PDB file of all heavy atoms in Angstrom:
ATOM      1  N   ALA A   1      12.404 -41.978  35.566  1.00  0.00           N
ATOM      2  CA  ALA A   1      11.061 -42.014  36.151  1.00  0.00           C
ATOM      3  C   ALA A   1      10.186 -40.903  35.587  1.00  0.00           C
ATOM      4  O   ALA A   1       9.021 -41.111  35.270  1.00  0.00           O
ATOM      5  CB  ALA A   1      11.143 -41.902  37.675  1.00  0.00           C
ATOM      6  N   LEU A   2      10.754 -39.724  35.449  1.00  0.00           N
ATOM      7  CA  LEU A   2       9.987 -38.583  34.954  1.00  0.00           C
ATOM      8  C   LEU A   2       9.631 -38.716  33.478  1.00  0.00           C
ATOM      9  O   LEU A   2       8.646 -38.147  33.024  1.00  0.00           O
ATOM     10  CB  LEU A   2      10.770 -37.287  35.177  1.00  0.00           C
ATOM     11  CG  LEU A   2      10.938 -36.856  36.631  1.00  0.00           C
ATOM     12  CD1 LEU A   2      11.869 -35.655  36.713  1.00  0.00           C
ATOM     13  CD2 LEU A   2       9.603 -36.551  37.268  1.00  0.00           C
ATOM     14  N   ALA A   3      10.417 -39.477  32.725  1.00  0.00           N
ATOM     15  CA  ALA A   3      10.201 -39.591  31.289  1.00  0.00           C
ATOM     16  C   ALA A   3       9.283 -40.751  30.896  1.00  0.00           C
ATOM     17  O   ALA A   3       9.021 -40.956  29.727  1.00  0.00           O
ATOM     18  CB  ALA A   3      11.541 -39.738  30.578  1.00  0.00           C
ATOM     19  N   GLY A   4       8.766 -41.489  31.874  1.00  0.00           N
ATOM     20  CA  GLY A   4       7.897 -42.620  31.570  1.00  0.00           C
ATOM     21  C   GLY A   4       6.557 -42.182  30.997  1.00  0.00           C
ATOM     22  O   GLY A   4       6.231 -40.999  30.935  1.00  0.00           O
ATOM     23  N   SER A   5       5.773 -43.165  30.586  1.00  0.00           N
ATOM     24  CA  SER A   5       4.429 -42.875  30.086  1.00  0.00           C
ATOM     25  C   SER A   5       3.566 -42.339  31.221  1.00  0.00           C
ATOM     26  O   SER A   5       3.883 -42.525  32.400  1.00  0.00           O
ATOM     27  CB  SER A   5       3.795 -44.140  29.513  1.00  0.00           C
ATOM     28  OG  SER A   5       3.462 -45.032  30.563  1.00  0.00           O
ATOM     29  N   ASP A   6       2.464 -41.687  30.871  1.00  0.00           N
ATOM     30  CA  ASP A   6       1.566 -41.175  31.905  1.00  0.00           C
ATOM     31  C   ASP A   6       1.115 -42.284  32.846  1.00  0.00           C
ATOM     32  O   ASP A   6       1.038 -42.082  34.054  1.00  0.00           O
ATOM     33  CB  ASP A   6       0.345 -40.494  31.284  1.00  0.00           C
ATOM     34  CG  ASP A   6       0.646 -39.091  30.783  1.00  0.00           C
ATOM     35  OD1 ASP A   6       1.763 -38.595  31.029  1.00  0.00           O
ATOM     36  OD2 ASP A   6      -0.239 -38.498  30.153  1.00  0.00           O
ATOM     37  N   ALA A   7       0.811 -43.459  32.315  1.00  0.00           N
ATOM     38  CA  ALA A   7       0.356 -44.569  33.151  1.00  0.00           C
ATOM     39  C   ALA A   7       1.448 -45.017  34.123  1.00  0.00           C
ATOM     40  O   ALA A   7       1.175 -45.260  35.301  1.00  0.00           O
ATOM     41  CB  ALA A   7      -0.097 -45.740  32.284  1.00  0.00           C
ATOM     42  N   GLU A   8       2.697 -45.104  33.638  1.00  0.00           N
ATOM     43  CA  GLU A   8       3.812 -45.485  34.503  1.00  0.00           C
ATOM     44  C   GLU A   8       4.038 -44.447  35.590  1.00  0.00           C
ATOM     45  O   GLU A   8       4.234 -44.777  36.754  1.00  0.00           O
ATOM     46  CB  GLU A   8       5.094 -45.640  33.687  1.00  0.00           C
ATOM     47  CG  GLU A   8       5.095 -46.800  32.734  1.00  0.00           C
ATOM     48  CD  GLU A   8       6.255 -46.731  31.756  1.00  0.00           C
ATOM     49  OE1 GLU A   8       6.837 -45.633  31.553  1.00  0.00           O
ATOM     50  OE2 GLU A   8       6.581 -47.774  31.170  1.00  0.00           O
ATOM     51  N   VAL A   9       4.030 -43.192  35.186  1.00  0.00           N
ATOM     52  CA  VAL A   9       4.258 -42.094  36.124  1.00  0.00           C
ATOM     53  C   VAL A   9       3.138 -42.063  37.167  1.00  0.00           C
ATOM     54  O   VAL A   9       3.386 -41.929  38.361  1.00  0.00           O
ATOM     55  CB  VAL A   9       4.356 -40.753  35.357  1.00  0.00           C
ATOM     56  CG1 VAL A   9       4.269 -39.569  36.285  1.00  0.00           C
ATOM     57  CG2 VAL A   9       5.644 -40.714  34.548  1.00  0.00           C
ATOM     58  N   ARG A  10       1.913 -42.210  36.713  1.00  0.00           N
ATOM     59  CA  ARG A  10       0.749 -42.209  37.613  1.00  0.00           C
ATOM     60  C   ARG A  10       0.864 -43.353  38.625  1.00  0.00           C
ATOM     61  O   ARG A  10       0.671 -43.162  39.815  1.00  0.00           O
ATOM     62  CB  ARG A  10      -0.535 -42.346  36.789  1.00  0.00           C
ATOM     63  CG  ARG A  10      -1.796 -42.229  37.583  1.00  0.00           C
ATOM     64  CD  ARG A  10      -3.054 -42.397  36.729  1.00  0.00           C
ATOM     65  NE  ARG A  10      -3.089 -41.490  35.603  1.00  0.00           N
ATOM     66  CZ  ARG A  10      -3.032 -41.861  34.331  1.00  0.00           C
ATOM     67  NH1 ARG A  10      -2.944 -43.128  33.993  1.00  0.00           N
ATOM     68  NH2 ARG A  10      -3.083 -40.962  33.368  1.00  0.00           N
ATOM     69  N   ARG A  11       1.194 -44.544  38.151  1.00  0.00           N
ATOM     70  CA  ARG A  11       1.319 -45.706  39.028  1.00  0.00           C
ATOM     71  C   ARG A  11       2.422 -45.484  40.067  1.00  0.00           C
ATOM     72  O   ARG A  11       2.251 -45.753  41.251  1.00  0.00           O
ATOM     73  CB  ARG A  11       1.614 -46.956  38.191  1.00  0.00           C
ATOM     74  CG  ARG A  11       1.636 -48.237  39.018  1.00  0.00           C
ATOM     75  CD  ARG A  11       2.114 -49.441  38.222  1.00  0.00           C
ATOM     76  NE  ARG A  11       3.581 -49.455  38.166  1.00  0.00           N
ATOM     77  CZ  ARG A  11       4.321 -49.092  37.123  1.00  0.00           C
ATOM     78  NH1 ARG A  11       3.771 -48.683  36.023  1.00  0.00           N
ATOM     79  NH2 ARG A  11       5.635 -49.129  37.168  1.00  0.00           N
ATOM     80  N   ARG A  12       3.545 -44.961  39.616  1.00  0.00           N
ATOM     81  CA  ARG A  12       4.696 -44.771  40.500  1.00  0.00           C
ATOM     82  C   ARG A  12       4.385 -43.769  41.618  1.00  0.00           C
ATOM     83  O   ARG A  12       4.642 -44.033  42.785  1.00  0.00           O
ATOM     84  CB  ARG A  12       5.897 -44.294  39.667  1.00  0.00           C
ATOM     85  CG  ARG A  12       7.199 -44.374  40.381  1.00  0.00           C
ATOM     86  CD  ARG A  12       8.362 -44.045  39.459  1.00  0.00           C
ATOM     87  NE  ARG A  12       8.494 -45.027  38.394  1.00  0.00           N
ATOM     88  CZ  ARG A  12       8.369 -44.734  37.091  1.00  0.00           C
ATOM     89  NH1 ARG A  12       8.140 -43.511  36.686  1.00  0.00           N
ATOM     90  NH2 ARG A  12       8.503 -45.672  36.182  1.00  0.00           N
ATOM     91  N   ILE A  13       3.813 -42.640  41.270  1.00  0.00           N
ATOM     92  CA  ILE A  13       3.565 -41.606  42.279  1.00  0.00           C
ATOM     93  C   ILE A  13       2.384 -41.977  43.168  1.00  0.00           C
ATOM     94  O   ILE A  13       2.372 -41.672  44.353  1.00  0.00           O
ATOM     95  CB  ILE A  13       3.403 -40.204  41.658  1.00  0.00           C
ATOM     96  CG1 ILE A  13       3.442 -39.104  42.721  1.00  0.00           C
ATOM     97  CG2 ILE A  13       2.137 -40.091  40.846  1.00  0.00           C
ATOM     98  CD1 ILE A  13       4.762 -38.816  43.304  1.00  0.00           C
ATOM     99  N   ARG A  14       1.393 -42.653  42.622  1.00  0.00           N
ATOM    100  CA  ARG A  14       0.249 -43.060  43.444  1.00  0.00           C
ATOM    101  C   ARG A  14       0.619 -44.116  44.480  1.00  0.00           C
ATOM    102  O   ARG A  14      -0.100 -44.303  45.448  1.00  0.00           O
ATOM    103  CB  ARG A  14      -0.892 -43.547  42.571  1.00  0.00           C
ATOM    104  CG  ARG A  14      -1.650 -42.417  41.926  1.00  0.00           C
ATOM    105  CD  ARG A  14      -2.837 -42.954  41.213  1.00  0.00           C
ATOM    106  NE  ARG A  14      -3.657 -41.887  40.677  1.00  0.00           N
ATOM    107  CZ  ARG A  14      -4.691 -42.102  39.892  1.00  0.00           C
ATOM    108  NH1 ARG A  14      -5.034 -43.324  39.571  1.00  0.00           N
ATOM    109  NH2 ARG A  14      -5.385 -41.086  39.435  1.00  0.00           N
ATOM    110  N   ALA A  15       1.717 -44.803  44.267  1.00  0.00           N
ATOM    111  CA  ALA A  15       2.178 -45.783  45.255  1.00  0.00           C
ATOM    112  C   ALA A  15       2.654 -45.086  46.533  1.00  0.00           C
ATOM    113  O   ALA A  15       2.803 -45.724  47.569  1.00  0.00           O
ATOM    114  CB  ALA A  15       3.307 -46.628  44.667  1.00  0.00           C
ATOM    115  N   HIS A  16       2.850 -43.788  46.444  1.00  0.00           N
ATOM    116  CA  HIS A  16       3.342 -42.994  47.583  1.00  0.00           C
ATOM    117  C   HIS A  16       2.475 -41.742  47.723  1.00  0.00           C
ATOM    118  O   HIS A  16       2.904 -40.640  47.351  1.00  0.00           O
ATOM    119  CB  HIS A  16       4.807 -42.607  47.364  1.00  0.00           C
ATOM    120  CG  HIS A  16       5.706 -43.781  47.175  1.00  0.00           C
ATOM    121  ND1 HIS A  16       6.143 -44.545  48.220  1.00  0.00           N
ATOM    122  CD2 HIS A  16       6.211 -44.346  46.045  1.00  0.00           C
ATOM    123  CE1 HIS A  16       6.905 -45.521  47.759  1.00  0.00           C
ATOM    124  NE2 HIS A  16       6.951 -45.425  46.443  1.00  0.00           N
ATOM    125  N   PRO A  17       1.259 -41.881  48.230  1.00  0.00           N
ATOM    126  CA  PRO A  17       0.345 -40.733  48.274  1.00  0.00           C
ATOM    127  C   PRO A  17       0.859 -39.550  49.093  1.00  0.00           C
ATOM    128  O   PRO A  17       0.581 -38.403  48.752  1.00  0.00           O
ATOM    129  CB  PRO A  17      -0.947 -41.304  48.869  1.00  0.00           C
ATOM    130  CG  PRO A  17      -0.581 -42.615  49.466  1.00  0.00           C
ATOM    131  CD  PRO A  17       0.643 -43.095  48.775  1.00  0.00           C
ATOM    132  N   GLN A  18       1.643 -39.800  50.139  1.00  0.00           N
ATOM    133  CA  GLN A  18       2.186 -38.684  50.918  1.00  0.00           C
ATOM    134  C   GLN A  18       3.204 -37.905  50.100  1.00  0.00           C
ATOM    135  O   GLN A  18       3.299 -36.684  50.207  1.00  0.00           O
ATOM    136  CB  GLN A  18       2.832 -39.171  52.230  1.00  0.00           C
ATOM    137  CG  GLN A  18       1.873 -39.855  53.157  1.00  0.00           C
ATOM    138  CD  GLN A  18       1.879 -41.375  52.975  1.00  0.00           C
ATOM    139  OE1 GLN A  18       2.244 -41.909  51.933  1.00  0.00           O
ATOM    140  NE2 GLN A  18       1.450 -42.078  54.000  1.00  0.00           N
ATOM    141  N   VAL A  19       3.963 -38.615  49.268  1.00  0.00           N
ATOM    142  CA  VAL A  19       4.933 -37.944  48.399  1.00  0.00           C
ATOM    143  C   VAL A  19       4.189 -37.111  47.356  1.00  0.00           C
ATOM    144  O   VAL A  19       4.546 -35.958  47.101  1.00  0.00           O
ATOM    145  CB  VAL A  19       5.891 -38.958  47.743  1.00  0.00           C
ATOM    146  CG1 VAL A  19       6.829 -38.264  46.760  1.00  0.00           C
ATOM    147  CG2 VAL A  19       6.689 -39.707  48.806  1.00  0.00           C
ATOM    148  N   LEU A  20       3.140 -37.670  46.777  1.00  0.00           N
ATOM    149  CA  LEU A  20       2.327 -36.917  45.823  1.00  0.00           C
ATOM    150  C   LEU A  20       1.787 -35.646  46.469  1.00  0.00           C
ATOM    151  O   LEU A  20       1.877 -34.560  45.885  1.00  0.00           O
ATOM    152  CB  LEU A  20       1.165 -37.781  45.313  1.00  0.00           C
ATOM    153  CG  LEU A  20       0.109 -37.064  44.469  1.00  0.00           C
ATOM    154  CD1 LEU A  20       0.718 -36.431  43.226  1.00  0.00           C
ATOM    155  CD2 LEU A  20      -1.010 -38.034  44.104  1.00  0.00           C
ATOM    156  N   ALA A  21       1.258 -35.759  47.676  1.00  0.00           N
ATOM    157  CA  ALA A  21       0.720 -34.583  48.366  1.00  0.00           C
ATOM    158  C   ALA A  21       1.802 -33.538  48.607  1.00  0.00           C
ATOM    159  O   ALA A  21       1.574 -32.340  48.417  1.00  0.00           O
ATOM    160  CB  ALA A  21       0.081 -34.998  49.689  1.00  0.00           C
ATOM    161  N   SER A  22       2.989 -33.985  48.977  1.00  0.00           N
ATOM    162  CA  SER A  22       4.074 -33.042  49.230  1.00  0.00           C
ATOM    163  C   SER A  22       4.579 -32.424  47.931  1.00  0.00           C
ATOM    164  O   SER A  22       4.922 -31.236  47.900  1.00  0.00           O
ATOM    165  CB  SER A  22       5.213 -33.732  49.972  1.00  0.00           C
ATOM    166  OG  SER A  22       6.148 -32.776  50.414  1.00  0.00           O
ATOM    167  N   PHE A  23       4.620 -33.198  46.849  1.00  0.00           N
ATOM    168  CA  PHE A  23       4.991 -32.629  45.550  1.00  0.00           C
ATOM    169  C   PHE A  23       4.014 -31.513  45.187  1.00  0.00           C
ATOM    170  O   PHE A  23       4.421 -30.446  44.755  1.00  0.00           O
ATOM    171  CB  PHE A  23       4.964 -33.699  44.463  1.00  0.00           C
ATOM    172  CG  PHE A  23       6.203 -34.538  44.343  1.00  0.00           C
ATOM    173  CD1 PHE A  23       7.130 -34.652  45.368  1.00  0.00           C
ATOM    174  CD2 PHE A  23       6.443 -35.250  43.181  1.00  0.00           C
ATOM    175  CE1 PHE A  23       8.252 -35.439  45.252  1.00  0.00           C
ATOM    176  CE2 PHE A  23       7.565 -36.033  43.039  1.00  0.00           C
ATOM    177  CZ  PHE A  23       8.479 -36.132  44.070  1.00  0.00           C
ATOM    178  N   PHE A  24       2.744 -31.784  45.353  1.00  0.00           N
ATOM    179  CA  PHE A  24       1.721 -30.793  45.028  1.00  0.00           C
ATOM    180  C   PHE A  24       1.878 -29.556  45.918  1.00  0.00           C
ATOM    181  O   PHE A  24       1.839 -28.423  45.439  1.00  0.00           O
ATOM    182  CB  PHE A  24       0.330 -31.411  45.189  1.00  0.00           C
ATOM    183  CG  PHE A  24      -0.780 -30.499  44.793  1.00  0.00           C
ATOM    184  CD1 PHE A  24      -1.086 -30.285  43.459  1.00  0.00           C
ATOM    185  CD2 PHE A  24      -1.533 -29.840  45.755  1.00  0.00           C
ATOM    186  CE1 PHE A  24      -2.113 -29.424  43.077  1.00  0.00           C
ATOM    187  CE2 PHE A  24      -2.564 -28.985  45.391  1.00  0.00           C
ATOM    188  CZ  PHE A  24      -2.857 -28.784  44.048  1.00  0.00           C
ATOM    189  N   GLN A  25       2.070 -29.786  47.205  1.00  0.00           N
ATOM    190  CA  GLN A  25       2.174 -28.682  48.160  1.00  0.00           C
ATOM    191  C   GLN A  25       3.411 -27.813  47.916  1.00  0.00           C
ATOM    192  O   GLN A  25       3.381 -26.614  48.165  1.00  0.00           O
ATOM    193  CB  GLN A  25       2.209 -29.229  49.586  1.00  0.00           C
ATOM    194  CG  GLN A  25       2.246 -28.155  50.643  1.00  0.00           C
ATOM    195  CD  GLN A  25       2.127 -28.736  52.042  1.00  0.00           C
ATOM    196  OE1 GLN A  25       1.884 -29.926  52.221  1.00  0.00           O
ATOM    197  NE2 GLN A  25       2.302 -27.894  53.037  1.00  0.00           N
ATOM    198  N   ASN A  26       4.480 -28.402  47.417  1.00  0.00           N
ATOM    199  CA  ASN A  26       5.736 -27.666  47.232  1.00  0.00           C
ATOM    200  C   ASN A  26       6.015 -27.282  45.782  1.00  0.00           C
ATOM    201  O   ASN A  26       7.117 -26.829  45.457  1.00  0.00           O
ATOM    202  CB  ASN A  26       6.905 -28.498  47.782  1.00  0.00           C
ATOM    203  CG  ASN A  26       6.872 -28.569  49.287  1.00  0.00           C
ATOM    204  OD1 ASN A  26       7.126 -27.578  49.958  1.00  0.00           O
ATOM    205  ND2 ASN A  26       6.531 -29.724  49.823  1.00  0.00           N
ATOM    206  N   ALA A  27       5.028 -27.420  44.913  1.00  0.00           N
ATOM    207  CA  ALA A  27       5.224 -27.133  43.487  1.00  0.00           C
ATOM    208  C   ALA A  27       5.711 -25.713  43.225  1.00  0.00           C
ATOM    209  O   ALA A  27       6.405 -25.465  42.234  1.00  0.00           O
ATOM    210  CB  ALA A  27       3.936 -27.405  42.713  1.00  0.00           C
ATOM    211  N   ASP A  28       5.401 -24.794  44.106  1.00  0.00           N
ATOM    212  CA  ASP A  28       5.849 -23.407  43.902  1.00  0.00           C
ATOM    213  C   ASP A  28       7.370 -23.267  43.994  1.00  0.00           C
ATOM    214  O   ASP A  28       7.926 -22.265  43.567  1.00  0.00           O
ATOM    215  CB  ASP A  28       5.166 -22.471  44.897  1.00  0.00           C
ATOM    216  CG  ASP A  28       5.488 -22.794  46.344  1.00  0.00           C
ATOM    217  OD1 ASP A  28       5.515 -23.994  46.708  1.00  0.00           O
ATOM    218  OD2 ASP A  28       5.714 -21.859  47.126  1.00  0.00           O
ATOM    219  N   LEU A  29       8.052 -24.284  44.499  1.00  0.00           N
ATOM    220  CA  LEU A  29       9.508 -24.233  44.608  1.00  0.00           C
ATOM    221  C   LEU A  29      10.218 -24.751  43.361  1.00  0.00           C
ATOM    222  O   LEU A  29      11.443 -24.682  43.271  1.00  0.00           O
ATOM    223  CB  LEU A  29       9.974 -25.028  45.830  1.00  0.00           C
ATOM    224  CG  LEU A  29       9.473 -24.489  47.170  1.00  0.00           C
ATOM    225  CD1 LEU A  29       9.912 -25.400  48.298  1.00  0.00           C
ATOM    226  CD2 LEU A  29       9.974 -23.068  47.398  1.00  0.00           C
ATOM    227  N   LEU A  30       9.449 -25.274  42.413  1.00  0.00           N
ATOM    228  CA  LEU A  30      10.051 -25.732  41.163  1.00  0.00           C
ATOM    229  C   LEU A  30      10.498 -24.540  40.331  1.00  0.00           C
ATOM    230  O   LEU A  30       9.816 -23.523  40.285  1.00  0.00           O
ATOM    231  CB  LEU A  30       9.037 -26.549  40.359  1.00  0.00           C
ATOM    232  CG  LEU A  30       8.685 -27.918  40.905  1.00  0.00           C
ATOM    233  CD1 LEU A  30       7.459 -28.460  40.192  1.00  0.00           C
ATOM    234  CD2 LEU A  30       9.859 -28.871  40.771  1.00  0.00           C
ATOM    235  N   GLU A  31      11.639 -24.677  39.682  1.00  0.00           N
ATOM    236  CA  GLU A  31      12.096 -23.660  38.735  1.00  0.00           C
ATOM    237  C   GLU A  31      11.314 -23.905  37.454  1.00  0.00           C
ATOM    238  O   GLU A  31      11.683 -24.737  36.628  1.00  0.00           O
ATOM    239  CB  GLU A  31      13.598 -23.784  38.513  1.00  0.00           C
ATOM    240  CG  GLU A  31      14.411 -23.433  39.747  1.00  0.00           C
ATOM    241  CD  GLU A  31      15.894 -23.465  39.458  1.00  0.00           C
ATOM    242  OE1 GLU A  31      16.308 -23.208  38.308  1.00  0.00           O
ATOM    243  OE2 GLU A  31      16.645 -23.759  40.393  1.00  0.00           O
ATOM    244  N   HIS A  32      10.220 -23.179  37.285  1.00  0.00           N
ATOM    245  CA  HIS A  32       9.231 -23.469  36.256  1.00  0.00           C
ATOM    246  C   HIS A  32       9.743 -23.383  34.821  1.00  0.00           C
ATOM    247  O   HIS A  32       9.109 -23.889  33.918  1.00  0.00           O
ATOM    248  CB  HIS A  32       8.000 -22.569  36.437  1.00  0.00           C
ATOM    249  CG  HIS A  32       7.288 -22.863  37.711  1.00  0.00           C
ATOM    250  ND1 HIS A  32       6.503 -23.970  37.874  1.00  0.00           N
ATOM    251  CD2 HIS A  32       7.282 -22.214  38.899  1.00  0.00           C
ATOM    252  CE1 HIS A  32       6.015 -24.001  39.095  1.00  0.00           C
ATOM    253  NE2 HIS A  32       6.476 -22.949  39.742  1.00  0.00           N
ATOM    254  N   HIS A  33      10.873 -22.782  34.607  1.00  0.00           N
ATOM    255  CA  HIS A  33      11.403 -22.653  33.250  1.00  0.00           C
ATOM    256  C   HIS A  33      12.280 -23.829  32.842  1.00  0.00           C
ATOM    257  O   HIS A  33      12.859 -23.823  31.757  1.00  0.00           O
ATOM    258  CB  HIS A  33      12.181 -21.338  33.119  1.00  0.00           C
ATOM    259  CG  HIS A  33      13.364 -21.277  34.032  1.00  0.00           C
ATOM    260  ND1 HIS A  33      13.246 -20.977  35.369  1.00  0.00           N
ATOM    261  CD2 HIS A  33      14.677 -21.510  33.809  1.00  0.00           C
ATOM    262  CE1 HIS A  33      14.448 -21.024  35.932  1.00  0.00           C
ATOM    263  NE2 HIS A  33      15.319 -21.337  35.015  1.00  0.00           N
ATOM    264  N   THR A  34      12.380 -24.865  33.672  1.00  0.00           N
ATOM    265  CA  THR A  34      13.234 -26.005  33.342  1.00  0.00           C
ATOM    266  C   THR A  34      12.397 -27.191  32.864  1.00  0.00           C
ATOM    267  O   THR A  34      11.234 -27.354  33.238  1.00  0.00           O
ATOM    268  CB  THR A  34      14.072 -26.457  34.560  1.00  0.00           C
ATOM    269  OG1 THR A  34      13.194 -26.971  35.558  1.00  0.00           O
ATOM    270  CG2 THR A  34      14.908 -25.311  35.113  1.00  0.00           C
ATOM    271  N   ALA A  35      13.024 -28.023  32.050  1.00  0.00           N
ATOM    272  CA  ALA A  35      12.354 -29.231  31.560  1.00  0.00           C
ATOM    273  C   ALA A  35      12.025 -30.165  32.723  1.00  0.00           C
ATOM    274  O   ALA A  35      10.961 -30.800  32.739  1.00  0.00           O
ATOM    275  CB  ALA A  35      13.244 -29.944  30.544  1.00  0.00           C
ATOM    276  N   GLU A  36      12.906 -30.228  33.701  1.00  0.00           N
ATOM    277  CA  GLU A  36      12.682 -31.094  34.850  1.00  0.00           C
ATOM    278  C   GLU A  36      11.429 -30.680  35.621  1.00  0.00           C
ATOM    279  O   GLU A  36      10.640 -31.521  36.044  1.00  0.00           O
ATOM    280  CB  GLU A  36      13.892 -31.083  35.794  1.00  0.00           C
ATOM    281  CG  GLU A  36      15.140 -31.689  35.193  1.00  0.00           C
ATOM    282  CD  GLU A  36      15.994 -30.680  34.426  1.00  0.00           C
ATOM    283  OE1 GLU A  36      15.554 -29.551  34.182  1.00  0.00           O
ATOM    284  OE2 GLU A  36      17.125 -31.045  34.080  1.00  0.00           O
ATOM    285  N   ALA A  37      11.243 -29.390  35.786  1.00  0.00           N
ATOM    286  CA  ALA A  37      10.055 -28.894  36.488  1.00  0.00           C
ATOM    287  C   ALA A  37       8.787 -29.249  35.714  1.00  0.00           C
ATOM    288  O   ALA A  37       7.774 -29.638  36.302  1.00  0.00           O
ATOM    289  CB  ALA A  37      10.138 -27.391  36.696  1.00  0.00           C
ATOM    290  N   ALA A  38       8.853 -29.136  34.400  1.00  0.00           N
ATOM    291  CA  ALA A  38       7.699 -29.492  33.572  1.00  0.00           C
ATOM    292  C   ALA A  38       7.363 -30.966  33.732  1.00  0.00           C
ATOM    293  O   ALA A  38       6.185 -31.343  33.807  1.00  0.00           O
ATOM    294  CB  ALA A  38       7.975 -29.161  32.113  1.00  0.00           C
TER     295      ALA A  38
END
């Protein structure tokens, strides 16, 4: 899911706006030096 095109990724996350909001709100918990976090 994370490796999809921008359009695929955008469509997938926008289908769940509460999840998008929580991802944004909790972004400080990502280990920023990892590829997964990027």
